[in-house]
Amino acid sequence: MDESEQLRSARVVRREVLGDAYVDRMTADTDPTAVDFQDYVTSLAWGAWARGGPLSRRDRSLLVLAMTAALGRMEEFGLHAASASRAGVSDEEVDELVFMISAYCGAPAGVSARRGVREVRAERNGG
């Protein structure tokens, strides 16, 4: 797959997982550096999602949730927690993942992840 095909595929997956509204907000900046940066991040991160192979979108979503929590990147964790259902991850699976995060990344990471999950669900449920 050449670079332009990879970027096109990555853009499709990003929209399917994160939704049009989010992607439209992130790509609204027309500054050339911002456009280049969005293309770079999309190609890098979402290209990994689009590459195929034995990992499903569900698997990739769970991995991203675990890695962002482990790194303390709670803004990204929240974004992916809110989008997890589009990748085939149930609320129950996210809840169970928080236990794994706590066990392997430490209680502070688990507490932050649990807080992030509560915030995402409160927003989703209108309150």
N, C-alpha and C. Protein backbone atom coordinates (compact mmCIF):
# COMPACT_ATOMS: atom_id res chain seq x y z
N MET A 1 0.85 -1.17 0.00
CA MET A 1 0.00 0.00 0.00
C MET A 1 0.91 1.25 0.00
N ASP A 2 0.72 2.13 -0.99
CA ASP A 2 1.55 3.33 -1.01
C ASP A 2 1.05 4.33 0.03
N GLU A 3 1.82 5.40 0.23
CA GLU A 3 1.52 6.36 1.29
C GLU A 3 0.14 6.99 1.15
N SER A 4 -0.24 7.36 -0.06
CA SER A 4 -1.55 8.00 -0.24
C SER A 4 -2.69 7.01 0.03
N GLU A 5 -2.52 5.76 -0.36
CA GLU A 5 -3.53 4.74 -0.06
C GLU A 5 -3.62 4.52 1.45
N GLN A 6 -2.46 4.48 2.12
CA GLN A 6 -2.44 4.30 3.57
C GLN A 6 -3.16 5.45 4.26
N LEU A 7 -2.90 6.67 3.84
CA LEU A 7 -3.55 7.83 4.44
C LEU A 7 -5.06 7.80 4.19
N ARG A 8 -5.47 7.45 2.99
CA ARG A 8 -6.91 7.36 2.70
C ARG A 8 -7.58 6.31 3.58
N SER A 9 -6.96 5.14 3.68
CA SER A 9 -7.51 4.07 4.53
C SER A 9 -7.55 4.50 5.99
N ALA A 10 -6.48 5.15 6.44
CA ALA A 10 -6.42 5.62 7.83
C ALA A 10 -7.53 6.63 8.11
N ARG A 11 -7.77 7.53 7.17
CA ARG A 11 -8.83 8.53 7.34
C ARG A 11 -10.19 7.87 7.47
N VAL A 12 -10.44 6.84 6.67
CA VAL A 12 -11.72 6.13 6.72
C VAL A 12 -11.91 5.50 8.09
N VAL A 13 -10.90 4.78 8.57
CA VAL A 13 -11.00 4.11 9.86
C VAL A 13 -11.19 5.13 10.98
N ARG A 14 -10.43 6.22 10.93
CA ARG A 14 -10.54 7.27 11.96
C ARG A 14 -11.98 7.79 12.04
N ARG A 15 -12.58 8.07 10.90
CA ARG A 15 -13.96 8.56 10.89
C ARG A 15 -14.94 7.50 11.40
N GLU A 16 -14.71 6.26 11.00
CA GLU A 16 -15.61 5.19 11.43
C GLU A 16 -15.56 4.99 12.94
N VAL A 17 -14.38 5.11 13.52
CA VAL A 17 -14.23 4.87 14.95
C VAL A 17 -14.56 6.11 15.78
N LEU A 18 -14.03 7.26 15.40
CA LEU A 18 -14.22 8.47 16.21
C LEU A 18 -15.46 9.26 15.85
N GLY A 19 -15.97 9.07 14.66
CA GLY A 19 -17.16 9.80 14.22
C GLY A 19 -16.81 11.06 13.45
N ASP A 20 -17.71 11.44 12.56
CA ASP A 20 -17.49 12.60 11.70
C ASP A 20 -17.35 13.90 12.49
N ALA A 21 -18.17 14.11 13.50
CA ALA A 21 -18.15 15.39 14.23
C ALA A 21 -16.77 15.65 14.84
N TYR A 22 -16.21 14.64 15.49
CA TYR A 22 -14.89 14.81 16.11
C TYR A 22 -13.82 15.08 15.04
N VAL A 23 -13.80 14.26 14.01
CA VAL A 23 -12.77 14.40 12.98
C VAL A 23 -12.91 15.75 12.28
N ASP A 24 -14.14 16.17 12.01
CA ASP A 24 -14.34 17.48 11.39
C ASP A 24 -13.80 18.60 12.26
N ARG A 25 -13.99 18.52 13.57
CA ARG A 25 -13.43 19.54 14.48
C ARG A 25 -11.91 19.54 14.44
N MET A 26 -11.32 18.36 14.43
CA MET A 26 -9.86 18.26 14.47
C MET A 26 -9.22 18.69 13.16
N THR A 27 -9.94 18.59 12.07
CA THR A 27 -9.37 18.92 10.76
C THR A 27 -9.85 20.27 10.24
N ALA A 28 -10.53 21.04 11.06
CA ALA A 28 -11.07 22.34 10.61
C ALA A 28 -9.99 23.40 10.44
N ASP A 29 -8.88 23.26 11.15
CA ASP A 29 -7.80 24.24 11.06
C ASP A 29 -7.13 24.11 9.69
N THR A 30 -7.11 25.20 8.94
CA THR A 30 -6.55 25.16 7.59
C THR A 30 -5.09 25.62 7.53
N ASP A 31 -4.52 25.94 8.68
CA ASP A 31 -3.10 26.30 8.73
C ASP A 31 -2.30 25.13 8.15
N PRO A 32 -1.39 25.39 7.21
CA PRO A 32 -0.65 24.30 6.57
C PRO A 32 0.07 23.36 7.55
N THR A 33 0.61 23.89 8.61
CA THR A 33 1.28 23.03 9.59
C THR A 33 0.26 22.14 10.30
N ALA A 34 -0.89 22.68 10.63
CA ALA A 34 -1.94 21.89 11.28
C ALA A 34 -2.43 20.78 10.36
N VAL A 35 -2.60 21.09 9.09
CA VAL A 35 -3.03 20.08 8.12
C VAL A 35 -1.98 18.98 8.01
N ASP A 36 -0.72 19.36 7.89
CA ASP A 36 0.37 18.37 7.81
C ASP A 36 0.41 17.51 9.07
N PHE A 37 0.23 18.14 10.23
CA PHE A 37 0.26 17.40 11.49
C PHE A 37 -0.89 16.39 11.56
N GLN A 38 -2.11 16.83 11.18
CA GLN A 38 -3.25 15.91 11.20
C GLN A 38 -3.01 14.73 10.26
N ASP A 39 -2.47 15.00 9.08
CA ASP A 39 -2.17 13.91 8.14
C ASP A 39 -1.12 12.96 8.72
N TYR A 40 -0.11 13.52 9.37
CA TYR A 40 0.95 12.71 9.96
C TYR A 40 0.40 11.79 11.05
N VAL A 41 -0.34 12.39 11.98
CA VAL A 41 -0.90 11.61 13.09
C VAL A 41 -1.91 10.58 12.57
N THR A 42 -2.72 10.99 11.62
CA THR A 42 -3.71 10.06 11.04
C THR A 42 -3.00 8.89 10.38
N SER A 43 -1.99 9.18 9.58
CA SER A 43 -1.26 8.12 8.89
C SER A 43 -0.58 7.18 9.88
N LEU A 44 0.03 7.76 10.91
CA LEU A 44 0.76 6.96 11.89
C LEU A 44 -0.20 6.13 12.76
N ALA A 45 -1.06 6.80 13.48
CA ALA A 45 -1.92 6.10 14.45
C ALA A 45 -3.03 5.31 13.77
N TRP A 46 -3.76 5.97 12.89
CA TRP A 46 -4.90 5.29 12.27
C TRP A 46 -4.47 4.36 11.15
N GLY A 47 -3.27 4.58 10.63
CA GLY A 47 -2.70 3.62 9.70
C GLY A 47 -2.47 2.27 10.36
N ALA A 48 -2.12 2.30 11.66
CA ALA A 48 -1.97 1.05 12.41
C ALA A 48 -3.30 0.33 12.54
N TRP A 49 -4.39 1.09 12.68
CA TRP A 49 -5.72 0.48 12.74
C TRP A 49 -6.12 -0.07 11.37
N ALA A 50 -5.72 0.58 10.30
CA ALA A 50 -6.18 0.22 8.95
C ALA A 50 -5.35 -0.88 8.31
N ARG A 51 -4.27 -1.28 8.92
CA ARG A 51 -3.35 -2.19 8.26
C ARG A 51 -3.85 -3.63 8.16
N GLY A 52 -4.92 -3.96 8.83
CA GLY A 52 -5.41 -5.34 8.77
C GLY A 52 -4.63 -6.22 9.71
N GLY A 53 -4.58 -7.50 9.40
CA GLY A 53 -3.87 -8.44 10.25
C GLY A 53 -4.80 -9.10 11.24
N PRO A 54 -4.23 -9.83 12.20
CA PRO A 54 -5.04 -10.64 13.10
C PRO A 54 -5.78 -9.87 14.20
N LEU A 55 -5.45 -8.59 14.40
CA LEU A 55 -6.14 -7.82 15.44
C LEU A 55 -7.39 -7.17 14.87
N SER A 56 -8.50 -7.37 15.54
CA SER A 56 -9.76 -6.75 15.11
C SER A 56 -9.81 -5.30 15.60
N ARG A 57 -10.77 -4.56 15.14
CA ARG A 57 -10.96 -3.20 15.66
C ARG A 57 -11.24 -3.24 17.16
N ARG A 58 -11.99 -4.22 17.58
CA ARG A 58 -12.28 -4.38 19.00
C ARG A 58 -10.98 -4.55 19.78
N ASP A 59 -10.11 -5.44 19.30
CA ASP A 59 -8.81 -5.66 19.95
C ASP A 59 -8.00 -4.37 20.00
N ARG A 60 -7.95 -3.68 18.88
CA ARG A 60 -7.17 -2.45 18.81
C ARG A 60 -7.72 -1.39 19.76
N SER A 61 -9.04 -1.31 19.85
CA SER A 61 -9.65 -0.34 20.75
C SER A 61 -9.28 -0.64 22.20
N LEU A 62 -9.38 -1.89 22.60
CA LEU A 62 -9.01 -2.27 23.97
C LEU A 62 -7.54 -1.98 24.24
N LEU A 63 -6.69 -2.25 23.26
CA LEU A 63 -5.26 -1.97 23.43
C LEU A 63 -5.00 -0.47 23.58
N VAL A 64 -5.65 0.33 22.76
CA VAL A 64 -5.46 1.78 22.85
C VAL A 64 -5.96 2.29 24.20
N LEU A 65 -7.08 1.79 24.67
CA LEU A 65 -7.57 2.19 25.99
C LEU A 65 -6.54 1.84 27.07
N ALA A 66 -6.02 0.63 27.04
CA ALA A 66 -5.04 0.22 28.04
C ALA A 66 -3.76 1.05 27.95
N MET A 67 -3.28 1.29 26.73
CA MET A 67 -2.03 2.04 26.58
C MET A 67 -2.19 3.50 26.97
N THR A 68 -3.29 4.13 26.61
CA THR A 68 -3.46 5.53 26.97
C THR A 68 -3.61 5.68 28.48
N ALA A 69 -4.29 4.73 29.11
CA ALA A 69 -4.41 4.77 30.58
C ALA A 69 -3.04 4.57 31.22
N ALA A 70 -2.27 3.60 30.71
CA ALA A 70 -0.95 3.33 31.27
C ALA A 70 -0.03 4.54 31.15
N LEU A 71 -0.19 5.29 30.08
CA LEU A 71 0.65 6.47 29.85
C LEU A 71 0.10 7.72 30.54
N GLY A 72 -1.07 7.60 31.15
CA GLY A 72 -1.68 8.75 31.80
C GLY A 72 -2.23 9.77 30.82
N ARG A 73 -2.52 9.37 29.61
CA ARG A 73 -3.07 10.26 28.59
C ARG A 73 -4.60 10.18 28.64
N MET A 74 -5.15 10.77 29.70
CA MET A 74 -6.57 10.58 29.98
C MET A 74 -7.48 11.29 28.99
N GLU A 75 -7.01 12.35 28.36
CA GLU A 75 -7.84 12.99 27.32
C GLU A 75 -8.03 12.03 26.16
N GLU A 76 -6.95 11.37 25.75
CA GLU A 76 -7.05 10.37 24.69
C GLU A 76 -7.83 9.15 25.16
N PHE A 77 -7.63 8.75 26.41
CA PHE A 77 -8.40 7.63 26.96
C PHE A 77 -9.89 7.94 26.86
N GLY A 78 -10.29 9.14 27.26
CA GLY A 78 -11.70 9.53 27.21
C GLY A 78 -12.24 9.52 25.79
N LEU A 79 -11.47 10.03 24.86
CA LEU A 79 -11.88 10.02 23.45
C LEU A 79 -12.13 8.59 22.98
N HIS A 80 -11.20 7.70 23.30
CA HIS A 80 -11.34 6.32 22.84
C HIS A 80 -12.40 5.56 23.65
N ALA A 81 -12.58 5.90 24.91
CA ALA A 81 -13.65 5.28 25.69
C ALA A 81 -15.01 5.66 25.11
N ALA A 82 -15.15 6.91 24.70
CA ALA A 82 -16.40 7.37 24.11
C ALA A 82 -16.67 6.71 22.76
N SER A 83 -15.61 6.31 22.07
CA SER A 83 -15.74 5.72 20.74
C SER A 83 -15.66 4.20 20.72
N ALA A 84 -15.43 3.60 21.86
CA ALA A 84 -15.18 2.16 21.92
C ALA A 84 -16.32 1.33 21.34
N SER A 85 -17.54 1.76 21.56
CA SER A 85 -18.68 0.96 21.04
C SER A 85 -18.67 0.91 19.52
N ARG A 86 -18.16 1.95 18.85
CA ARG A 86 -18.08 1.94 17.39
C ARG A 86 -17.06 0.91 16.90
N ALA A 87 -16.15 0.53 17.78
CA ALA A 87 -15.14 -0.47 17.43
C ALA A 87 -15.54 -1.86 17.92
N GLY A 88 -16.74 -1.97 18.48
CA GLY A 88 -17.23 -3.28 18.91
C GLY A 88 -16.94 -3.64 20.35
N VAL A 89 -16.59 -2.65 21.18
CA VAL A 89 -16.30 -2.89 22.60
C VAL A 89 -17.52 -2.51 23.42
N SER A 90 -17.94 -3.41 24.28
CA SER A 90 -19.10 -3.15 25.13
C SER A 90 -18.70 -2.38 26.39
N ASP A 91 -19.68 -1.76 27.03
CA ASP A 91 -19.42 -1.09 28.32
C ASP A 91 -18.87 -2.07 29.34
N GLU A 92 -19.37 -3.29 29.33
CA GLU A 92 -18.91 -4.29 30.29
C GLU A 92 -17.45 -4.63 30.06
N GLU A 93 -17.03 -4.67 28.81
CA GLU A 93 -15.62 -4.94 28.52
C GLU A 93 -14.73 -3.78 28.97
N VAL A 94 -15.20 -2.56 28.78
CA VAL A 94 -14.43 -1.40 29.26
C VAL A 94 -14.33 -1.44 30.78
N ASP A 95 -15.43 -1.78 31.45
CA ASP A 95 -15.41 -1.88 32.92
C ASP A 95 -14.38 -2.92 33.38
N GLU A 96 -14.36 -4.05 32.72
CA GLU A 96 -13.41 -5.11 33.09
C GLU A 96 -11.98 -4.68 32.80
N LEU A 97 -11.79 -3.95 31.71
CA LEU A 97 -10.47 -3.44 31.37
C LEU A 97 -9.93 -2.54 32.47
N VAL A 98 -10.79 -1.76 33.11
CA VAL A 98 -10.35 -0.88 34.19
C VAL A 98 -9.71 -1.69 35.32
N PHE A 99 -10.23 -2.87 35.60
CA PHE A 99 -9.62 -3.73 36.61
C PHE A 99 -8.21 -4.17 36.17
N MET A 100 -8.07 -4.50 34.88
CA MET A 100 -6.76 -4.90 34.36
C MET A 100 -5.79 -3.73 34.41
N ILE A 101 -6.27 -2.54 34.06
CA ILE A 101 -5.43 -1.34 34.12
C ILE A 101 -4.95 -1.13 35.55
N SER A 102 -5.86 -1.27 36.51
CA SER A 102 -5.48 -1.09 37.92
C SER A 102 -4.43 -2.10 38.36
N ALA A 103 -4.62 -3.35 37.94
CA ALA A 103 -3.70 -4.41 38.35
C ALA A 103 -2.32 -4.25 37.72
N TYR A 104 -2.26 -3.88 36.46
CA TYR A 104 -0.98 -3.86 35.75
C TYR A 104 -0.34 -2.48 35.64
N CYS A 105 -1.14 -1.41 35.79
CA CYS A 105 -0.60 -0.05 35.66
C CYS A 105 -0.62 0.70 36.98
N GLY A 106 -1.30 0.13 37.97
CA GLY A 106 -1.37 0.76 39.28
C GLY A 106 -2.73 1.39 39.55
N ALA A 107 -3.01 1.50 40.84
CA ALA A 107 -4.30 2.05 41.26
C ALA A 107 -4.54 3.46 40.73
N PRO A 108 -3.56 4.37 40.74
CA PRO A 108 -3.84 5.72 40.22
C PRO A 108 -4.31 5.70 38.76
N ALA A 109 -3.70 4.87 37.95
CA ALA A 109 -4.13 4.78 36.55
C ALA A 109 -5.54 4.21 36.46
N GLY A 110 -5.83 3.20 37.28
CA GLY A 110 -7.17 2.61 37.29
C GLY A 110 -8.23 3.60 37.76
N VAL A 111 -7.90 4.36 38.80
CA VAL A 111 -8.84 5.36 39.32
C VAL A 111 -9.10 6.42 38.25
N SER A 112 -8.06 6.89 37.58
CA SER A 112 -8.23 7.88 36.52
C SER A 112 -9.05 7.31 35.36
N ALA A 113 -8.79 6.07 35.00
CA ALA A 113 -9.56 5.43 33.93
C ALA A 113 -11.03 5.30 34.33
N ARG A 114 -11.28 4.88 35.56
CA ARG A 114 -12.67 4.73 36.02
C ARG A 114 -13.38 6.08 36.00
N ARG A 115 -12.68 7.12 36.44
CA ARG A 115 -13.24 8.47 36.42
C ARG A 115 -13.56 8.87 34.97
N GLY A 116 -12.64 8.58 34.06
CA GLY A 116 -12.86 8.90 32.65
C GLY A 116 -14.05 8.17 32.07
N VAL A 117 -14.22 6.91 32.43
CA VAL A 117 -15.36 6.12 31.96
C VAL A 117 -16.66 6.73 32.48
N ARG A 118 -16.68 7.09 33.77
CA ARG A 118 -17.89 7.71 34.34
C ARG A 118 -18.25 9.00 33.61
N GLU A 119 -17.24 9.83 33.33
CA GLU A 119 -17.48 11.11 32.64
C GLU A 119 -18.03 10.88 31.24
N VAL A 120 -17.45 9.93 30.51
CA VAL A 120 -17.91 9.63 29.15
C VAL A 120 -19.35 9.15 29.19
N ARG A 121 -19.67 8.29 30.11
CA ARG A 121 -21.03 7.75 30.18
C ARG A 121 -22.03 8.79 30.63
N ALA A 122 -21.63 9.66 31.55
CA ALA A 122 -22.53 10.74 31.98
C ALA A 122 -22.84 11.66 30.80
N GLU A 123 -21.83 11.99 30.03
CA GLU A 123 -22.05 12.85 28.85
C GLU A 123 -22.92 12.16 27.83
N ARG A 124 -22.67 10.87 27.60
CA ARG A 124 -23.45 10.09 26.65
C ARG A 124 -24.91 10.02 27.06
N ASN A 125 -25.14 9.93 28.38
CA ASN A 125 -26.50 9.79 28.89
C ASN A 125 -27.17 11.12 29.19
N GLY A 126 -26.52 12.20 28.76
CA GLY A 126 -27.12 13.52 28.91
C GLY A 126 -26.99 14.17 30.26
N GLY A 127 -26.01 13.77 31.04
CA GLY A 127 -25.90 14.43 32.33
C GLY A 127 -24.65 14.12 32.97
